[in-house]
Amino acid sequence: MDWLQLAGQLAQVGLPSLGTLLGTTLGGPIGGGIGAAVGKGAAAAIGAALGVPATPQAISQAVQADPSGAQIKLAEIEAAAKLQMAELGDLANARQMQVGLAQATHWTASMPAIVTLAILTAWALLTSALYFIPGEIPERVYQLLSQAYGAANLALGTAIAFWLGSSRSSQQKDAQISAILPTVVAKR
């Protein structure tokens, strides 16, 4: 039994997305590099959930032994896989849109930089107003400034994450690349 056959078996018990993930990443068109790392991670999670080794044969036997129990155990993994695939698709679409705008030299291509500068300016002004203006600030004005400062801090954090890519999915991708890089380099 191979990963593609296991994908079909998982689809038959009502887990088509999980089957597709395993079939395409370990036995199909994106079976190398990052795809293989993702597929191996999914296979390990499936094996752990079923209490068997992460091999197509062991997983297949566990599913055949108790199809409804396997479906229940693996439904959560499939939901997480669907969510991750959707997040990766959204991320790819956003990056593709940004690159397309920059290549077309469209005026909106510079909007992230403009918004970031506006956020940074607002944050600097609010910081100055709260910390460096001498004298007593009326309570109502101080409360409004404090709320605006909090919002500016959140916006600045988001802008920094946009430019530096410190999102959860980016960190996971970096970890996966770091994990497979030695094997890829060793093969060359």
N, C-alpha and C. Protein backbone atom coordinates (compact mmCIF):
# COMPACT_ATOMS: atom_id res chain seq x y z
N MET A 1 0.85 -1.18 0.00
CA MET A 1 0.00 0.00 0.00
C MET A 1 0.89 1.23 0.00
N ASP A 2 0.48 2.25 -0.77
CA ASP A 2 1.23 3.51 -0.79
C ASP A 2 0.33 4.64 -0.31
N TRP A 3 0.89 5.85 -0.30
CA TRP A 3 0.15 7.01 0.22
C TRP A 3 -1.06 7.35 -0.63
N LEU A 4 -0.97 7.17 -1.94
CA LEU A 4 -2.12 7.47 -2.81
C LEU A 4 -3.28 6.51 -2.54
N GLN A 5 -2.97 5.23 -2.31
CA GLN A 5 -4.03 4.27 -1.99
C GLN A 5 -4.65 4.61 -0.63
N LEU A 6 -3.82 5.00 0.32
CA LEU A 6 -4.33 5.39 1.63
C LEU A 6 -5.23 6.62 1.50
N ALA A 7 -4.85 7.53 0.62
CA ALA A 7 -5.69 8.72 0.39
C ALA A 7 -7.09 8.31 -0.05
N GLY A 8 -7.17 7.35 -0.95
CA GLY A 8 -8.48 6.86 -1.39
C GLY A 8 -9.25 6.22 -0.26
N GLN A 9 -8.58 5.45 0.58
CA GLN A 9 -9.24 4.80 1.70
C GLN A 9 -9.77 5.83 2.69
N LEU A 10 -8.99 6.88 2.96
CA LEU A 10 -9.46 7.92 3.88
C LEU A 10 -10.64 8.67 3.29
N ALA A 11 -10.64 8.87 1.99
CA ALA A 11 -11.79 9.52 1.34
C ALA A 11 -13.04 8.66 1.49
N GLN A 12 -12.90 7.35 1.42
CA GLN A 12 -14.05 6.45 1.55
C GLN A 12 -14.67 6.48 2.93
N VAL A 13 -13.86 6.72 3.97
CA VAL A 13 -14.42 6.78 5.32
C VAL A 13 -14.84 8.19 5.70
N GLY A 14 -14.84 9.10 4.73
CA GLY A 14 -15.35 10.45 4.98
C GLY A 14 -14.31 11.48 5.36
N LEU A 15 -13.06 11.24 5.01
CA LEU A 15 -11.99 12.19 5.32
C LEU A 15 -11.23 12.57 4.05
N PRO A 16 -11.92 13.16 3.07
CA PRO A 16 -11.29 13.42 1.77
C PRO A 16 -10.15 14.44 1.84
N SER A 17 -10.27 15.46 2.65
CA SER A 17 -9.21 16.48 2.72
C SER A 17 -7.93 15.90 3.28
N LEU A 18 -8.07 15.06 4.29
CA LEU A 18 -6.89 14.44 4.88
C LEU A 18 -6.24 13.49 3.88
N GLY A 19 -7.05 12.77 3.16
CA GLY A 19 -6.53 11.89 2.12
C GLY A 19 -5.82 12.68 1.03
N THR A 20 -6.41 13.78 0.62
CA THR A 20 -5.80 14.62 -0.40
C THR A 20 -4.47 15.18 0.08
N LEU A 21 -4.43 15.61 1.35
CA LEU A 21 -3.19 16.15 1.92
C LEU A 21 -2.08 15.10 1.87
N LEU A 22 -2.38 13.88 2.31
CA LEU A 22 -1.37 12.83 2.30
C LEU A 22 -1.01 12.42 0.88
N GLY A 23 -2.02 12.27 0.05
CA GLY A 23 -1.78 11.81 -1.31
C GLY A 23 -0.96 12.77 -2.14
N THR A 24 -1.23 14.06 -2.01
CA THR A 24 -0.49 15.03 -2.83
C THR A 24 0.88 15.37 -2.26
N THR A 25 1.01 15.35 -0.94
CA THR A 25 2.30 15.74 -0.36
C THR A 25 3.29 14.59 -0.27
N LEU A 26 2.80 13.37 -0.07
CA LEU A 26 3.73 12.25 0.08
C LEU A 26 3.74 11.33 -1.14
N GLY A 27 2.66 11.31 -1.90
CA GLY A 27 2.64 10.40 -3.02
C GLY A 27 2.33 11.05 -4.34
N GLY A 28 2.21 12.37 -4.33
CA GLY A 28 1.77 13.03 -5.54
C GLY A 28 2.69 14.12 -6.04
N PRO A 29 2.10 15.13 -6.67
CA PRO A 29 2.87 16.12 -7.40
C PRO A 29 3.76 17.03 -6.57
N ILE A 30 3.44 17.25 -5.31
CA ILE A 30 4.30 18.13 -4.51
C ILE A 30 5.03 17.33 -3.45
N GLY A 31 5.42 16.12 -3.80
CA GLY A 31 6.02 15.20 -2.85
C GLY A 31 7.44 15.51 -2.46
N GLY A 32 8.01 16.59 -2.88
CA GLY A 32 9.38 16.92 -2.50
C GLY A 32 9.42 18.19 -1.68
N GLY A 33 10.51 18.40 -0.98
CA GLY A 33 10.73 19.65 -0.26
C GLY A 33 9.75 19.89 0.85
N ILE A 34 9.16 21.08 0.83
CA ILE A 34 8.25 21.49 1.90
C ILE A 34 6.99 20.63 1.90
N GLY A 35 6.51 20.25 0.70
CA GLY A 35 5.33 19.38 0.63
C GLY A 35 5.54 18.08 1.38
N ALA A 36 6.71 17.49 1.22
CA ALA A 36 7.01 16.24 1.91
C ALA A 36 7.07 16.46 3.42
N ALA A 37 7.63 17.58 3.83
CA ALA A 37 7.70 17.87 5.27
C ALA A 37 6.31 18.02 5.86
N VAL A 38 5.43 18.70 5.15
CA VAL A 38 4.05 18.87 5.62
C VAL A 38 3.35 17.52 5.66
N GLY A 39 3.53 16.74 4.59
CA GLY A 39 2.91 15.42 4.53
C GLY A 39 3.40 14.50 5.63
N LYS A 40 4.69 14.52 5.92
CA LYS A 40 5.24 13.68 6.98
C LYS A 40 4.70 14.10 8.34
N GLY A 41 4.54 15.41 8.51
CA GLY A 41 3.95 15.90 9.76
C GLY A 41 2.51 15.44 9.91
N ALA A 42 1.75 15.50 8.80
CA ALA A 42 0.36 15.03 8.83
C ALA A 42 0.31 13.54 9.08
N ALA A 43 1.19 12.78 8.44
CA ALA A 43 1.22 11.33 8.64
C ALA A 43 1.56 10.99 10.08
N ALA A 44 2.51 11.72 10.67
CA ALA A 44 2.87 11.49 12.07
C ALA A 44 1.69 11.78 12.99
N ALA A 45 0.96 12.86 12.71
CA ALA A 45 -0.21 13.21 13.53
C ALA A 45 -1.29 12.14 13.40
N ILE A 46 -1.49 11.64 12.20
CA ILE A 46 -2.51 10.60 11.98
C ILE A 46 -2.10 9.32 12.70
N GLY A 47 -0.84 8.94 12.54
CA GLY A 47 -0.36 7.74 13.23
C GLY A 47 -0.49 7.87 14.73
N ALA A 48 -0.14 9.03 15.27
CA ALA A 48 -0.25 9.24 16.72
C ALA A 48 -1.70 9.16 17.18
N ALA A 49 -2.60 9.75 16.40
CA ALA A 49 -4.02 9.74 16.78
C ALA A 49 -4.58 8.31 16.78
N LEU A 50 -4.08 7.49 15.87
CA LEU A 50 -4.57 6.12 15.79
C LEU A 50 -3.74 5.16 16.63
N GLY A 51 -2.61 5.63 17.16
CA GLY A 51 -1.76 4.79 17.97
C GLY A 51 -0.95 3.78 17.18
N VAL A 52 -0.59 4.15 15.94
CA VAL A 52 0.18 3.26 15.06
C VAL A 52 1.34 4.03 14.46
N PRO A 53 2.32 3.33 13.88
CA PRO A 53 3.41 4.03 13.19
C PRO A 53 2.87 4.83 11.99
N ALA A 54 3.61 5.83 11.59
CA ALA A 54 3.17 6.72 10.49
C ALA A 54 3.55 6.13 9.14
N THR A 55 3.04 4.95 8.86
CA THR A 55 3.26 4.32 7.56
C THR A 55 1.91 4.07 6.91
N PRO A 56 1.86 4.03 5.58
CA PRO A 56 0.56 3.80 4.94
C PRO A 56 -0.07 2.48 5.35
N GLN A 57 0.74 1.44 5.51
CA GLN A 57 0.20 0.13 5.87
C GLN A 57 -0.43 0.15 7.27
N ALA A 58 0.29 0.69 8.24
CA ALA A 58 -0.21 0.71 9.62
C ALA A 58 -1.46 1.57 9.74
N ILE A 59 -1.45 2.73 9.09
CA ILE A 59 -2.61 3.61 9.15
C ILE A 59 -3.80 2.94 8.47
N SER A 60 -3.56 2.31 7.33
CA SER A 60 -4.63 1.62 6.60
C SER A 60 -5.24 0.51 7.45
N GLN A 61 -4.41 -0.28 8.10
CA GLN A 61 -4.92 -1.37 8.94
C GLN A 61 -5.74 -0.83 10.11
N ALA A 62 -5.30 0.27 10.70
CA ALA A 62 -6.04 0.86 11.81
C ALA A 62 -7.39 1.39 11.34
N VAL A 63 -7.42 1.99 10.15
CA VAL A 63 -8.69 2.50 9.61
C VAL A 63 -9.62 1.34 9.26
N GLN A 64 -9.09 0.26 8.69
CA GLN A 64 -9.91 -0.91 8.34
C GLN A 64 -10.45 -1.59 9.58
N ALA A 65 -9.67 -1.62 10.65
CA ALA A 65 -10.09 -2.28 11.88
C ALA A 65 -11.26 -1.56 12.54
N ASP A 66 -11.26 -0.24 12.49
CA ASP A 66 -12.33 0.54 13.13
C ASP A 66 -12.58 1.82 12.34
N PRO A 67 -13.31 1.72 11.21
CA PRO A 67 -13.51 2.90 10.36
C PRO A 67 -14.20 4.06 11.06
N SER A 68 -15.24 3.77 11.85
CA SER A 68 -15.95 4.88 12.51
C SER A 68 -15.10 5.50 13.62
N GLY A 69 -14.36 4.69 14.36
CA GLY A 69 -13.47 5.22 15.39
C GLY A 69 -12.35 6.05 14.78
N ALA A 70 -11.81 5.56 13.66
CA ALA A 70 -10.76 6.31 12.98
C ALA A 70 -11.29 7.64 12.46
N GLN A 71 -12.52 7.60 11.95
CA GLN A 71 -13.11 8.83 11.43
C GLN A 71 -13.26 9.87 12.53
N ILE A 72 -13.69 9.45 13.68
CA ILE A 72 -13.85 10.38 14.80
C ILE A 72 -12.49 10.93 15.24
N LYS A 73 -11.50 10.05 15.36
CA LYS A 73 -10.17 10.48 15.81
C LYS A 73 -9.51 11.42 14.81
N LEU A 74 -9.76 11.16 13.53
CA LEU A 74 -9.07 11.92 12.49
C LEU A 74 -9.83 13.16 12.03
N ALA A 75 -11.08 13.30 12.44
CA ALA A 75 -11.87 14.46 12.01
C ALA A 75 -11.24 15.77 12.50
N GLU A 76 -10.71 15.76 13.71
CA GLU A 76 -10.07 16.97 14.24
C GLU A 76 -8.81 17.32 13.44
N ILE A 77 -8.04 16.29 13.08
CA ILE A 77 -6.84 16.53 12.28
C ILE A 77 -7.23 17.07 10.92
N GLU A 78 -8.30 16.51 10.34
CA GLU A 78 -8.74 16.99 9.04
C GLU A 78 -9.20 18.45 9.11
N ALA A 79 -9.92 18.80 10.18
CA ALA A 79 -10.36 20.19 10.33
C ALA A 79 -9.17 21.13 10.44
N ALA A 80 -8.16 20.71 11.19
CA ALA A 80 -6.95 21.53 11.32
C ALA A 80 -6.22 21.63 9.98
N ALA A 81 -6.20 20.53 9.22
CA ALA A 81 -5.54 20.55 7.91
C ALA A 81 -6.28 21.48 6.95
N LYS A 82 -7.62 21.44 6.97
CA LYS A 82 -8.40 22.34 6.12
C LYS A 82 -8.13 23.80 6.47
N LEU A 83 -8.08 24.08 7.76
CA LEU A 83 -7.82 25.45 8.21
C LEU A 83 -6.43 25.90 7.77
N GLN A 84 -5.44 25.03 7.93
CA GLN A 84 -4.08 25.40 7.54
C GLN A 84 -3.98 25.59 6.03
N MET A 85 -4.64 24.73 5.26
CA MET A 85 -4.61 24.88 3.80
C MET A 85 -5.28 26.19 3.39
N ALA A 86 -6.36 26.57 4.06
CA ALA A 86 -7.03 27.83 3.76
C ALA A 86 -6.14 29.01 4.11
N GLU A 87 -5.46 28.94 5.27
CA GLU A 87 -4.55 30.02 5.67
C GLU A 87 -3.40 30.17 4.68
N LEU A 88 -2.84 29.04 4.26
CA LEU A 88 -1.74 29.09 3.30
C LEU A 88 -2.22 29.65 1.95
N GLY A 89 -3.44 29.28 1.56
CA GLY A 89 -4.00 29.82 0.31
C GLY A 89 -4.21 31.32 0.40
N ASP A 90 -4.74 31.79 1.52
CA ASP A 90 -4.94 33.22 1.72
C ASP A 90 -3.61 33.97 1.69
N LEU A 91 -2.62 33.40 2.35
CA LEU A 91 -1.30 34.02 2.39
C LEU A 91 -0.70 34.10 1.00
N ALA A 92 -0.81 33.01 0.25
CA ALA A 92 -0.28 32.99 -1.12
C ALA A 92 -1.00 34.02 -1.99
N ASN A 93 -2.32 34.11 -1.84
CA ASN A 93 -3.08 35.08 -2.64
C ASN A 93 -2.69 36.51 -2.29
N ALA A 94 -2.50 36.79 -1.01
CA ALA A 94 -2.12 38.15 -0.59
C ALA A 94 -0.75 38.51 -1.13
N ARG A 95 0.18 37.58 -1.04
CA ARG A 95 1.53 37.86 -1.55
C ARG A 95 1.51 38.02 -3.06
N GLN A 96 0.75 37.17 -3.73
CA GLN A 96 0.66 37.26 -5.19
C GLN A 96 0.06 38.60 -5.61
N MET A 97 -0.96 39.06 -4.89
CA MET A 97 -1.58 40.34 -5.21
C MET A 97 -0.57 41.48 -5.02
N GLN A 98 0.17 41.45 -3.90
CA GLN A 98 1.14 42.51 -3.63
C GLN A 98 2.23 42.53 -4.69
N VAL A 99 2.73 41.36 -5.07
CA VAL A 99 3.77 41.28 -6.09
C VAL A 99 3.23 41.77 -7.43
N GLY A 100 2.00 41.38 -7.76
CA GLY A 100 1.39 41.83 -9.01
C GLY A 100 1.24 43.34 -9.07
N LEU A 101 0.82 43.95 -7.98
CA LEU A 101 0.70 45.41 -7.95
C LEU A 101 2.05 46.09 -8.10
N ALA A 102 3.04 45.55 -7.44
CA ALA A 102 4.38 46.15 -7.53
C ALA A 102 4.94 46.01 -8.95
N GLN A 103 4.71 44.87 -9.58
CA GLN A 103 5.21 44.67 -10.94
C GLN A 103 4.48 45.55 -11.94
N ALA A 104 3.23 45.83 -11.68
CA ALA A 104 2.44 46.68 -12.57
C ALA A 104 2.66 48.16 -12.30
N THR A 105 3.48 48.47 -11.32
CA THR A 105 3.74 49.83 -10.85
C THR A 105 2.45 50.61 -10.62
N HIS A 106 1.50 49.93 -10.02
CA HIS A 106 0.22 50.55 -9.68
C HIS A 106 0.41 51.37 -8.40
N TRP A 107 -0.31 52.50 -8.29
CA TRP A 107 -0.11 53.38 -7.15
C TRP A 107 -0.45 52.70 -5.83
N THR A 108 -1.33 51.71 -5.84
CA THR A 108 -1.69 51.04 -4.59
C THR A 108 -0.59 50.11 -4.07
N ALA A 109 0.42 49.85 -4.89
CA ALA A 109 1.52 49.00 -4.45
C ALA A 109 2.27 49.63 -3.28
N SER A 110 2.26 50.94 -3.19
CA SER A 110 2.98 51.62 -2.10
C SER A 110 2.10 51.86 -0.87
N MET A 111 0.85 51.42 -0.91
CA MET A 111 -0.05 51.66 0.22
C MET A 111 0.42 51.02 1.53
N PRO A 112 0.94 49.79 1.54
CA PRO A 112 1.42 49.27 2.82
C PRO A 112 2.49 50.16 3.46
N ALA A 113 3.38 50.69 2.65
CA ALA A 113 4.42 51.57 3.18
C ALA A 113 3.81 52.88 3.68
N ILE A 114 2.86 53.42 2.95
CA ILE A 114 2.20 54.66 3.36
C ILE A 114 1.44 54.47 4.67
N VAL A 115 0.69 53.38 4.76
CA VAL A 115 -0.08 53.11 5.98
C VAL A 115 0.87 52.89 7.16
N THR A 116 1.96 52.18 6.93
CA THR A 116 2.94 51.95 7.99
C THR A 116 3.53 53.27 8.48
N LEU A 117 3.88 54.17 7.56
CA LEU A 117 4.41 55.48 7.96
C LEU A 117 3.37 56.30 8.72
N ALA A 118 2.11 56.21 8.30
CA ALA A 118 1.05 56.93 9.01
C ALA A 118 0.89 56.38 10.43
N ILE A 119 0.92 55.07 10.56
CA ILE A 119 0.81 54.45 11.88
C ILE A 119 1.99 54.85 12.76
N LEU A 120 3.18 54.81 12.20
CA LEU A 120 4.39 55.17 12.95
C LEU A 120 4.34 56.63 13.39
N THR A 121 3.87 57.51 12.51
CA THR A 121 3.74 58.93 12.84
C THR A 121 2.72 59.14 13.96
N ALA A 122 1.57 58.46 13.84
CA ALA A 122 0.54 58.59 14.88
C ALA A 122 1.07 58.08 16.22
N TRP A 123 1.77 56.95 16.19
CA TRP A 123 2.34 56.40 17.42
C TRP A 123 3.34 57.36 18.05
N ALA A 124 4.20 57.97 17.24
CA ALA A 124 5.20 58.91 17.76
C ALA A 124 4.53 60.15 18.35
N LEU A 125 3.52 60.67 17.67
CA LEU A 125 2.81 61.84 18.19
C LEU A 125 2.10 61.53 19.50
N LEU A 126 1.43 60.38 19.56
CA LEU A 126 0.73 60.02 20.79
C LEU A 126 1.70 59.75 21.93
N THR A 127 2.82 59.14 21.63
CA THR A 127 3.85 58.91 22.66
C THR A 127 4.33 60.26 23.20
N SER A 128 4.60 61.18 22.30
CA SER A 128 5.04 62.51 22.71
C SER A 128 3.99 63.20 23.56
N ALA A 129 2.74 63.10 23.13
CA ALA A 129 1.66 63.76 23.87
C ALA A 129 1.50 63.19 25.27
N LEU A 130 1.63 61.89 25.40
CA LEU A 130 1.42 61.27 26.71
C LEU A 130 2.61 61.40 27.65
N TYR A 131 3.81 61.38 27.11
CA TYR A 131 4.98 61.30 27.98
C TYR A 131 5.81 62.57 28.08
N PHE A 132 5.72 63.42 27.06
CA PHE A 132 6.65 64.53 27.04
C PHE A 132 6.01 65.91 27.14
N ILE A 133 4.70 66.01 27.14
CA ILE A 133 4.05 67.32 27.28
C ILE A 133 4.02 67.66 28.77
N PRO A 134 4.64 68.78 29.11
CA PRO A 134 4.64 69.16 30.53
C PRO A 134 3.26 69.66 30.95
N GLY A 135 2.97 69.52 32.19
CA GLY A 135 1.71 70.02 32.71
C GLY A 135 0.69 68.91 32.85
N GLU A 136 -0.44 69.29 33.42
CA GLU A 136 -1.51 68.34 33.70
C GLU A 136 -2.44 68.24 32.50
N ILE A 137 -2.75 67.01 32.10
CA ILE A 137 -3.70 66.78 31.01
C ILE A 137 -5.05 66.47 31.65
N PRO A 138 -6.12 67.14 31.19
CA PRO A 138 -7.44 66.84 31.75
C PRO A 138 -7.76 65.34 31.62
N GLU A 139 -8.51 64.82 32.59
CA GLU A 139 -8.79 63.38 32.66
C GLU A 139 -9.45 62.85 31.40
N ARG A 140 -10.44 63.55 30.85
CA ARG A 140 -11.13 63.08 29.65
C ARG A 140 -10.18 63.02 28.46
N VAL A 141 -9.33 64.02 28.33
CA VAL A 141 -8.37 64.04 27.22
C VAL A 141 -7.34 62.93 27.42
N TYR A 142 -6.91 62.72 28.66
CA TYR A 142 -5.93 61.68 28.95
C TYR A 142 -6.49 60.29 28.60
N GLN A 143 -7.77 60.05 28.92
CA GLN A 143 -8.39 58.78 28.60
C GLN A 143 -8.46 58.56 27.08
N LEU A 144 -8.82 59.60 26.35
CA LEU A 144 -8.87 59.49 24.89
C LEU A 144 -7.48 59.24 24.31
N LEU A 145 -6.48 59.96 24.82
CA LEU A 145 -5.11 59.76 24.36
C LEU A 145 -4.62 58.34 24.68
N SER A 146 -4.99 57.84 25.85
CA SER A 146 -4.58 56.49 26.24
C SER A 146 -5.20 55.45 25.33
N GLN A 147 -6.48 55.61 24.99
CA GLN A 147 -7.13 54.67 24.08
C GLN A 147 -6.50 54.73 22.69
N ALA A 148 -6.26 55.92 22.22
CA ALA A 148 -5.64 56.08 20.91
C ALA A 148 -4.22 55.50 20.90
N TYR A 149 -3.50 55.68 22.01
CA TYR A 149 -2.15 55.13 22.12
C TYR A 149 -2.17 53.61 22.09
N GLY A 150 -3.13 53.01 22.78
CA GLY A 150 -3.27 51.56 22.76
C GLY A 150 -3.57 51.04 21.35
N ALA A 151 -4.47 51.73 20.64
CA ALA A 151 -4.79 51.34 19.27
C ALA A 151 -3.57 51.51 18.36
N ALA A 152 -2.82 52.58 18.57
CA ALA A 152 -1.63 52.81 17.76
C ALA A 152 -0.57 51.74 18.03
N ASN A 153 -0.44 51.29 19.27
CA ASN A 153 0.50 50.21 19.60
C ASN A 153 0.12 48.93 18.87
N LEU A 154 -1.18 48.59 18.88
CA LEU A 154 -1.64 47.39 18.17
C LEU A 154 -1.39 47.51 16.67
N ALA A 155 -1.71 48.65 16.11
CA ALA A 155 -1.51 48.86 14.68
C ALA A 155 -0.03 48.80 14.32
N LEU A 156 0.82 49.37 15.15
CA LEU A 156 2.26 49.33 14.89
C LEU A 156 2.78 47.89 14.95
N GLY A 157 2.29 47.11 15.91
CA GLY A 157 2.67 45.70 15.98
C GLY A 157 2.26 44.94 14.73
N THR A 158 1.06 45.22 14.22
CA THR A 158 0.59 44.58 13.00
C THR A 158 1.44 44.99 11.81
N ALA A 159 1.78 46.26 11.74
CA ALA A 159 2.61 46.74 10.63
C ALA A 159 3.99 46.10 10.67
N ILE A 160 4.56 45.98 11.84
CA ILE A 160 5.87 45.34 11.96
C ILE A 160 5.78 43.88 11.55
N ALA A 161 4.72 43.20 11.98
CA ALA A 161 4.53 41.80 11.58
C ALA A 161 4.37 41.67 10.07
N PHE A 162 3.71 42.64 9.45
CA PHE A 162 3.56 42.60 7.99
C PHE A 162 4.91 42.67 7.30
N TRP A 163 5.75 43.59 7.75
CA TRP A 163 7.04 43.79 7.09
C TRP A 163 8.06 42.73 7.46
N LEU A 164 8.03 42.23 8.67
CA LEU A 164 9.03 41.25 9.09
C LEU A 164 8.55 39.81 8.97
N GLY A 165 7.26 39.61 8.71
CA GLY A 165 6.74 38.27 8.51
C GLY A 165 6.76 37.42 9.76
N SER A 166 6.44 37.99 10.89
CA SER A 166 6.51 37.24 12.14
C SER A 166 5.18 36.61 12.51
N SER A 167 4.47 36.12 11.51
CA SER A 167 3.20 35.47 11.78
C SER A 167 3.44 34.01 12.15
N ARG A 168 2.42 33.38 12.69
CA ARG A 168 2.52 31.99 13.10
C ARG A 168 2.83 31.09 11.92
N SER A 169 2.16 31.27 10.81
CA SER A 169 2.39 30.41 9.65
C SER A 169 3.78 30.62 9.08
N SER A 170 4.29 31.85 9.14
CA SER A 170 5.64 32.10 8.67
C SER A 170 6.66 31.41 9.56
N GLN A 171 6.44 31.42 10.86
CA GLN A 171 7.35 30.75 11.77
C GLN A 171 7.32 29.24 11.55
N GLN A 172 6.13 28.68 11.30
CA GLN A 172 6.03 27.25 11.03
C GLN A 172 6.75 26.90 9.73
N LYS A 173 6.58 27.73 8.72
CA LYS A 173 7.24 27.50 7.44
C LYS A 173 8.75 27.52 7.62
N ASP A 174 9.25 28.50 8.37
CA ASP A 174 10.68 28.58 8.62
C ASP A 174 11.19 27.34 9.35
N ALA A 175 10.42 26.84 10.31
CA ALA A 175 10.81 25.64 11.04
C ALA A 175 10.84 24.42 10.11
N GLN A 176 9.85 24.32 9.22
CA GLN A 176 9.82 23.20 8.29
C GLN A 176 10.99 23.26 7.32
N ILE A 177 11.30 24.43 6.82
CA ILE A 177 12.43 24.57 5.90
C ILE A 177 13.73 24.23 6.61
N SER A 178 13.88 24.69 7.83
CA SER A 178 15.09 24.39 8.60
C SER A 178 15.22 22.89 8.86
N ALA A 179 14.09 22.22 9.05
CA ALA A 179 14.13 20.78 9.33
C ALA A 179 14.53 19.98 8.10
N ILE A 180 14.10 20.40 6.91
CA ILE A 180 14.40 19.61 5.72
C ILE A 180 15.65 20.07 4.99
N LEU A 181 16.15 21.23 5.30
CA LEU A 181 17.31 21.77 4.59
C LEU A 181 18.53 20.85 4.64
N PRO A 182 18.88 20.27 5.79
CA PRO A 182 20.06 19.38 5.81
C PRO A 182 19.91 18.18 4.87
N THR A 183 18.70 17.62 4.77
CA THR A 183 18.52 16.47 3.88
C THR A 183 18.61 16.87 2.42
N VAL A 184 18.10 18.04 2.08
CA VAL A 184 18.16 18.52 0.70
C VAL A 184 19.62 18.81 0.30
N VAL A 185 20.35 19.46 1.21
CA VAL A 185 21.75 19.78 0.94
C VAL A 185 22.58 18.49 0.83
N ALA A 186 22.29 17.52 1.69
CA ALA A 186 23.05 16.26 1.68
C ALA A 186 22.84 15.49 0.38
N LYS A 187 21.66 15.60 -0.24
CA LYS A 187 21.37 14.89 -1.49
C LYS A 187 22.11 15.48 -2.66
N ARG A 188 22.52 16.71 -2.59
CA ARG A 188 23.19 17.38 -3.72
C ARG A 188 24.61 17.14 -3.66
